[in-house]
């Protein structure tokens, strides 16, 4: 999103949410201008700027999977994780709101995040926070083959989430507006960033604060009506990459770049950069958001099965089994 380390980037024009529009009695969802969002997505499709860049090892990020409820099928997430090394699940927080409001297990599910949840006064912020943590836990549980209550989310300096005691997978979380998305990787670090496709931005300011000389030249060569869409995609890719690195604002966006269409890492002058172990992707979701992913392939060739029963020592599994519960299968 446009907020970096809790601060909103100056390149974005602050805008008030527009009321939901109606057409023929049908409600148009949230504050997204469907016409503007469609124009951005059409532009990126024409430029072949949507899709994936595979790593040198052949890993590529699969398209995000819509998981509208905790009891939805998680099969595609497990398949993408096993086949491609990474998976991304997304939903709106309002889709997960019933689970937040009705589950009697909410305190157990939130774990150490329960105190933050109860201390948040704004009801919408509180529910959005809970829904995003549930999405992380259910996605990780699907990958690991354990219950979501057994997932303990902790946070590194800067707020990056990780799973305490379960380092066989990396997780990433992003949200903007009503959208929330979580990334799971078994090959290395992963970063996500999401943005509304109709986001208004100050192109000239972004050009100076975000772009390398090569990126600026590529953007300048585009027709005026295509520049904003490509700048938006570049921003989300850079956010995803720096999040994956854990660098935040310590890595200026002008010190690394991406090819405008292909998306691979570039030096500021446009030459191909060392970084073939990284896979990048930008995908549209819900017809009105962009989600960009950066995923590292550390070349460790881990087991395709990320379940706890496969990747943990059996003695540790036995120790983790609650009294009176059956132990791990032979």
Protein backbone atom coordinates (compact mmCIF):
# COMPACT_ATOMS: atom_id res chain seq x y z
CA UNK A 1 0.00 0.00 0.00
CA UNK A 2 0.96 3.64 0.00
CA UNK A 3 1.78 3.77 3.69
CA UNK A 4 5.40 3.03 4.45
CA UNK A 5 6.24 2.40 8.11
CA UNK A 6 2.94 3.96 9.11
CA UNK A 7 3.40 7.14 7.07
CA UNK A 8 1.49 7.92 3.92
CA UNK A 9 3.63 8.70 0.92
CA UNK A 10 3.41 12.29 -0.30
CA UNK A 11 3.03 11.13 -3.89
CA UNK A 12 -0.58 10.22 -3.22
CA UNK A 13 -3.31 12.78 -3.36
CA UNK A 14 -5.48 12.35 -0.26
CA UNK A 15 -9.00 11.69 -1.41
CA UNK A 16 -12.23 11.21 0.45
CA UNK A 17 -13.96 7.86 -0.10
CA UNK A 18 -16.68 8.22 -2.66
CA UNK A 19 -20.10 6.85 -1.84
CA UNK A 20 -21.15 3.56 -3.33
CA UNK A 21 -22.72 4.09 -6.75
CA UNK A 22 -25.71 2.30 -8.12
CA UNK A 23 -26.46 1.18 -11.62
CA UNK A 24 -29.77 -0.41 -12.43
CA UNK A 25 -30.37 -1.00 -8.73
CA UNK A 26 -27.04 -2.86 -8.28
CA UNK A 27 -24.54 -1.58 -5.77
CA UNK A 28 -20.99 -0.93 -6.93
CA UNK A 29 -18.62 -2.13 -4.22
CA UNK A 30 -16.79 0.17 -1.75
CA UNK A 31 -15.08 3.40 -2.86
CA UNK A 32 -13.44 2.09 -6.00
CA UNK A 33 -14.17 3.84 -9.27
CA UNK A 34 -14.78 0.79 -11.46
CA UNK A 35 -14.19 2.70 -14.69
CA UNK A 36 -10.79 4.03 -13.55
CA UNK A 37 -9.74 0.68 -12.09
CA UNK A 38 -10.70 -1.08 -15.31
CA UNK A 39 -8.66 1.40 -17.33
CA UNK A 40 -5.56 0.77 -15.23
CA UNK A 41 -5.90 -3.00 -15.50
CA UNK A 42 -6.56 -2.85 -19.25
CA UNK A 43 -3.45 -0.73 -19.73
CA UNK A 44 -1.26 -3.18 -17.82
CA UNK A 45 -2.71 -6.10 -19.76
CA UNK A 46 -1.98 -4.41 -23.09
CA UNK A 47 1.60 -3.84 -22.01
CA UNK A 48 1.93 -7.45 -20.81
CA UNK A 49 2.83 -6.02 -17.41
CA UNK A 50 0.62 -8.40 -15.46
CA UNK A 51 1.85 -11.87 -14.64
CA UNK A 52 5.01 -13.45 -13.29
CA UNK A 53 8.78 -13.51 -13.61
CA UNK A 54 10.18 -16.93 -12.73
CA UNK A 55 13.45 -17.49 -10.91
CA UNK A 56 16.45 -19.19 -12.45
CA UNK A 57 15.34 -22.35 -10.64
CA UNK A 58 11.95 -22.24 -12.35
CA UNK A 59 9.82 -21.13 -9.41
CA UNK A 60 7.07 -18.63 -10.18
CA UNK A 61 4.38 -17.07 -8.04
CA UNK A 62 0.93 -18.45 -8.77
CA UNK A 63 -2.05 -16.09 -9.13
CA UNK A 64 -3.63 -15.16 -5.79
CA UNK A 65 -6.42 -17.42 -4.59
CA UNK A 66 -9.70 -15.98 -3.30
CA UNK A 67 -10.57 -17.54 0.06
CA UNK A 68 -13.78 -15.79 1.17
CA UNK A 69 -14.31 -17.73 4.41
CA UNK A 70 -12.29 -19.76 6.90
CA UNK A 71 -14.22 -22.89 5.88
CA UNK A 72 -13.46 -22.39 2.17
CA UNK A 73 -11.31 -24.92 0.36
CA UNK A 74 -7.57 -24.41 0.92
CA UNK A 75 -6.60 -27.03 -1.64
CA UNK A 76 -5.24 -24.57 -4.20
CA UNK A 77 -3.08 -22.91 -1.56
CA UNK A 78 -1.54 -26.27 -0.66
CA UNK A 79 -1.11 -27.15 -4.35
CA UNK A 80 0.53 -23.82 -5.22
CA UNK A 81 2.83 -24.10 -2.23
CA UNK A 82 3.84 -27.63 -3.18
CA UNK A 83 4.16 -27.07 -6.92
CA UNK A 84 5.52 -23.52 -7.06
CA UNK A 85 7.03 -22.93 -3.66
CA UNK A 86 4.75 -20.02 -2.75
CA UNK A 87 1.07 -19.17 -2.56
CA UNK A 88 -1.01 -16.05 -1.99
CA UNK A 89 -4.51 -16.01 -0.48
CA UNK A 90 -6.77 -12.98 -0.42
CA UNK A 91 -10.20 -11.90 0.77
CA UNK A 92 -11.98 -8.82 1.97
CA UNK A 93 -12.09 -8.29 5.69
CA UNK A 94 -15.86 -7.97 5.48
CA UNK A 95 -16.02 -11.51 4.05
CA UNK A 96 -14.25 -12.74 7.18
CA UNK A 97 -16.20 -10.48 9.52
CA UNK A 98 -18.82 -13.16 10.40
CA UNK A 99 -16.02 -15.44 11.58
CA UNK A 100 -14.66 -12.67 13.79
CA UNK A 101 -18.05 -11.89 15.27
CA UNK A 102 -19.43 -15.39 15.75
CA UNK A 103 -16.58 -17.77 16.58
CA UNK A 104 -16.44 -18.67 20.29
CA UNK A 105 -12.73 -19.45 19.77
CA UNK A 106 -11.64 -15.93 18.83
CA UNK A 107 -9.40 -15.39 21.88
CA UNK A 108 -7.69 -18.74 21.32
CA UNK A 109 -7.32 -18.04 17.61
CA UNK A 110 -5.81 -14.59 18.10
CA UNK A 111 -3.44 -15.76 20.82
CA UNK A 112 -0.97 -13.03 21.77
CA UNK A 113 -2.81 -10.62 19.44
CA UNK A 114 -5.91 -10.79 21.65
CA UNK A 115 -4.76 -7.91 23.87
CA UNK A 116 -4.18 -5.66 20.86
CA UNK A 117 -7.58 -6.62 19.52
CA UNK A 118 -9.42 -5.76 22.75
CA UNK A 119 -7.44 -2.53 23.20
CA UNK A 120 -8.43 -1.20 19.76
CA UNK A 121 -11.38 1.14 20.21
CA UNK A 122 -12.53 1.66 16.63
CA UNK A 123 -14.84 -1.29 15.79
CA UNK A 124 -13.94 -1.38 12.08
CA UNK A 125 -10.19 -1.23 12.76
CA UNK A 126 -10.55 -3.89 15.45
CA UNK A 127 -12.47 -6.28 13.20
CA UNK A 128 -10.15 -5.68 10.24
CA UNK A 129 -7.16 -6.46 12.45
CA UNK A 130 -8.74 -9.69 13.70
CA UNK A 131 -9.81 -10.78 10.21
CA UNK A 132 -6.29 -10.29 8.80
CA UNK A 133 -4.73 -12.36 11.60
CA UNK A 134 -7.26 -15.11 11.09
CA UNK A 135 -6.41 -15.16 7.38
CA UNK A 136 -2.71 -15.55 8.22
CA UNK A 137 -3.41 -18.34 10.70
CA UNK A 138 -5.78 -20.31 8.50
CA UNK A 139 -3.46 -20.02 5.48
CA UNK A 140 -0.45 -21.13 7.52
CA UNK A 141 -2.45 -23.93 9.10
CA UNK A 142 -3.47 -25.18 5.66
CA UNK A 143 0.19 -25.21 4.59
CA UNK A 144 1.42 -26.91 7.77
CA UNK A 145 -1.40 -29.38 8.29
CA UNK A 146 -2.18 -28.22 11.83
CA UNK A 147 -4.98 -26.27 13.49
CA UNK A 148 -5.07 -22.47 13.27
CA UNK A 149 -5.02 -22.26 17.09
CA UNK A 150 -1.57 -23.86 16.98
CA UNK A 151 -0.16 -20.99 14.91
CA UNK A 152 1.60 -18.35 17.03
CA UNK A 153 2.14 -15.09 15.14
CA UNK A 154 5.05 -12.99 16.37
CA UNK A 155 6.55 -9.80 14.95
CA UNK A 156 10.04 -8.76 14.04
CA UNK A 157 11.34 -5.24 14.46
CA UNK A 158 9.31 -3.11 12.08
CA UNK A 159 6.20 -5.28 12.40
CA UNK A 160 6.96 -8.06 9.91
CA UNK A 161 5.04 -11.19 11.02
CA UNK A 162 6.58 -14.61 11.42
CA UNK A 163 5.42 -17.93 12.84
CA UNK A 164 7.06 -18.64 16.16
CA UNK A 165 8.69 -22.08 16.18
CA UNK A 166 7.62 -22.87 12.60
CA UNK A 167 10.44 -21.60 10.44
CA UNK A 168 9.85 -23.97 7.53
CA UNK A 169 7.65 -21.34 5.92
CA UNK A 170 7.77 -17.56 5.61
CA UNK A 171 4.66 -15.39 5.73
CA UNK A 172 3.77 -11.92 4.49
CA UNK A 173 0.69 -9.78 5.04
CA UNK A 174 -0.67 -6.72 3.27
CA UNK A 175 -3.97 -4.89 3.32
CA UNK A 176 -5.50 -1.79 1.82
CA UNK A 177 -9.11 -0.65 1.85
CA UNK A 178 -11.24 -3.75 2.28
CA UNK A 179 -8.63 -6.08 0.77
CA UNK A 180 -6.29 -8.27 2.80
CA UNK A 181 -3.77 -10.75 1.38
CA UNK A 182 -1.31 -13.21 2.89
CA UNK A 183 1.66 -14.85 1.23
CA UNK A 184 3.16 -18.20 2.23
CA UNK A 185 6.56 -19.39 0.96
CA UNK A 186 8.61 -22.52 1.54
CA UNK A 187 11.53 -21.37 -0.64
CA UNK A 188 12.62 -18.19 1.13
CA UNK A 189 11.48 -14.69 1.97
CA UNK A 190 8.26 -13.31 0.59
CA UNK A 191 6.82 -9.80 0.42
CA UNK A 192 3.42 -8.50 -0.67
CA UNK A 193 1.97 -5.13 -1.47
CA UNK A 194 -1.55 -4.21 -2.55
CA UNK A 195 -3.05 -1.01 -3.88
CA UNK A 196 -6.32 0.20 -5.29
CA UNK A 197 -6.18 0.27 -9.07
CA UNK A 198 -7.92 3.65 -9.16
CA UNK A 199 -5.47 5.32 -6.76
CA UNK A 200 -4.78 8.94 -7.65
CA UNK A 201 -1.11 9.87 -7.64
CA UNK A 202 1.19 12.74 -8.37
CA UNK A 203 3.13 11.31 -11.28
CA UNK A 204 5.85 13.97 -11.34
CA UNK A 205 6.55 13.53 -7.64
CA UNK A 206 6.60 9.74 -7.95
CA UNK A 207 8.94 9.98 -10.91
CA UNK A 208 11.55 11.81 -8.83
CA UNK A 209 11.10 9.94 -5.54
CA UNK A 210 10.53 6.40 -6.78
CA UNK A 211 11.98 5.87 -10.26
CA UNK A 212 15.48 5.04 -11.41
CA UNK A 213 16.71 6.97 -14.48
CA UNK A 214 15.94 3.94 -16.66
CA UNK A 215 12.40 3.60 -15.26
CA UNK A 216 11.76 7.32 -15.69
CA UNK A 217 12.86 7.13 -19.33
CA UNK A 218 10.58 4.16 -19.97
CA UNK A 219 7.63 5.91 -18.35
CA UNK A 220 8.28 9.13 -20.28
CA UNK A 221 8.13 7.18 -23.53
CA UNK A 222 4.61 5.97 -22.77
CA UNK A 223 1.43 7.82 -23.75
CA UNK A 224 0.13 10.01 -20.93
CA UNK A 225 -2.86 7.78 -20.26
CA UNK A 226 -0.62 4.76 -19.58
CA UNK A 227 1.94 6.28 -17.23
CA UNK A 228 -0.06 6.25 -14.02
CA UNK A 229 -0.92 2.56 -14.37
CA UNK A 230 2.69 1.56 -14.88
CA UNK A 231 3.92 3.80 -12.07
CA UNK A 232 1.39 2.19 -9.74
CA UNK A 233 2.63 -1.28 -10.65
CA UNK A 234 6.27 -0.26 -10.17
CA UNK A 235 5.44 1.14 -6.74
CA UNK A 236 3.77 -2.06 -5.56
CA UNK A 237 6.62 -4.21 -6.87
CA UNK A 238 9.16 -2.09 -5.04
CA UNK A 239 7.13 -2.17 -1.85
CA UNK A 240 6.85 -5.96 -2.07
CA UNK A 241 10.59 -6.37 -2.69
CA UNK A 242 11.71 -4.14 0.18
CA UNK A 243 9.20 -5.82 2.50
CA UNK A 244 10.62 -9.22 1.57
CA UNK A 245 14.12 -7.93 2.31
CA UNK A 246 12.95 -6.47 5.61
CA UNK A 247 14.45 -3.12 4.62
CA UNK A 248 11.44 -0.83 4.65
CA UNK A 249 12.43 2.78 4.00
CA UNK A 250 16.12 2.02 4.53
CA UNK A 251 16.40 1.00 0.88
CA UNK A 252 15.58 3.97 -1.37
CA UNK A 253 13.38 3.10 -4.31
CA UNK A 254 15.72 4.96 -6.68
CA UNK A 255 18.55 2.49 -6.00
CA UNK A 256 16.93 -0.46 -7.75
CA UNK A 257 14.47 -0.83 -10.58
CA UNK A 258 12.24 -3.11 -12.60
CA UNK A 259 11.76 -3.60 -16.30
CA UNK A 260 8.56 -1.84 -17.21
CA UNK A 261 6.84 -4.84 -18.79
CA UNK A 262 8.86 -7.89 -17.83
CA UNK A 263 9.25 -6.99 -14.17
CA UNK A 264 12.77 -8.35 -13.61
CA UNK A 265 15.23 -6.57 -11.32
CA UNK A 266 17.31 -3.84 -12.94
CA UNK A 267 20.12 -1.54 -11.86
CA UNK A 268 19.40 2.22 -11.89
CA UNK A 269 20.80 2.49 -15.43
CA UNK A 270 18.53 -0.32 -16.66
CA UNK A 271 21.02 -3.19 -16.84
CA UNK A 272 19.90 -6.60 -15.61
CA UNK A 273 20.69 -6.91 -11.91
CA UNK A 274 21.90 -9.92 -9.99
CA UNK A 275 18.73 -11.41 -8.61
CA UNK A 276 17.73 -14.42 -10.67
CA UNK A 277 16.72 -16.13 -7.43
CA UNK A 278 13.78 -13.73 -7.09
CA UNK A 279 10.34 -14.25 -8.58
CA UNK A 280 8.01 -11.28 -9.02
CA UNK A 281 4.36 -11.06 -9.93
CA UNK A 282 1.61 -8.47 -10.25
CA UNK A 283 -1.98 -9.68 -10.41
CA UNK A 284 -5.37 -7.96 -10.39
CA UNK A 285 -7.83 -9.16 -7.76
CA UNK A 286 -11.52 -8.43 -7.31
CA UNK A 287 -11.36 -6.36 -10.48
CA UNK A 288 -10.22 -3.28 -8.57
CA UNK A 289 -6.93 -3.97 -6.76
CA UNK A 290 -3.35 -4.81 -7.71
CA UNK A 291 -1.36 -7.31 -5.63
CA UNK A 292 2.39 -7.54 -6.23
CA UNK A 293 4.54 -10.34 -4.84
CA UNK A 294 8.28 -10.73 -4.40
CA UNK A 295 9.45 -14.23 -3.51
CA UNK A 296 13.01 -15.42 -2.91
CA UNK A 297 14.21 -18.85 -3.94
CA UNK A 298 17.07 -19.66 -1.57
CA UNK A 299 17.85 -22.86 -3.51
CA UNK A 300 17.43 -25.03 -0.46
CA UNK A 301 15.20 -27.51 -2.33
CA UNK A 302 12.96 -28.14 0.68
CA UNK A 303 10.42 -30.94 0.83
CA UNK A 304 7.35 -30.20 -1.21
CA UNK A 305 5.26 -31.27 1.77
CA UNK A 306 5.38 -28.49 4.36
CA UNK A 307 3.19 -30.22 6.92
CA UNK A 308 4.46 -30.26 10.46
CA UNK A 309 4.35 -34.04 10.45
CA UNK A 310 6.78 -34.13 7.52
CA UNK A 311 9.23 -31.41 8.49
CA UNK A 312 9.58 -31.77 12.28
CA UNK A 313 11.40 -34.44 14.23
CA UNK A 314 9.04 -37.11 15.53
CA UNK A 315 10.27 -36.70 19.11
CA UNK A 316 9.43 -33.00 18.95
CA UNK A 317 6.03 -33.84 17.46
CA UNK A 318 5.37 -36.21 20.33
CA UNK A 319 6.34 -33.53 22.83
CA UNK A 320 3.95 -31.09 21.14
CA UNK A 321 1.01 -33.52 21.35
CA UNK A 322 -1.43 -32.58 24.09
CA UNK A 323 -2.00 -35.16 26.87
CA UNK A 324 -4.77 -37.57 26.00
CA UNK A 325 -4.46 -36.83 22.28
CA UNK A 326 -3.21 -39.44 19.78
CA UNK A 327 0.43 -39.05 18.90
CA UNK A 328 1.84 -38.62 15.39
CA UNK A 329 1.03 -41.40 12.95
CA UNK A 330 3.79 -43.79 12.09
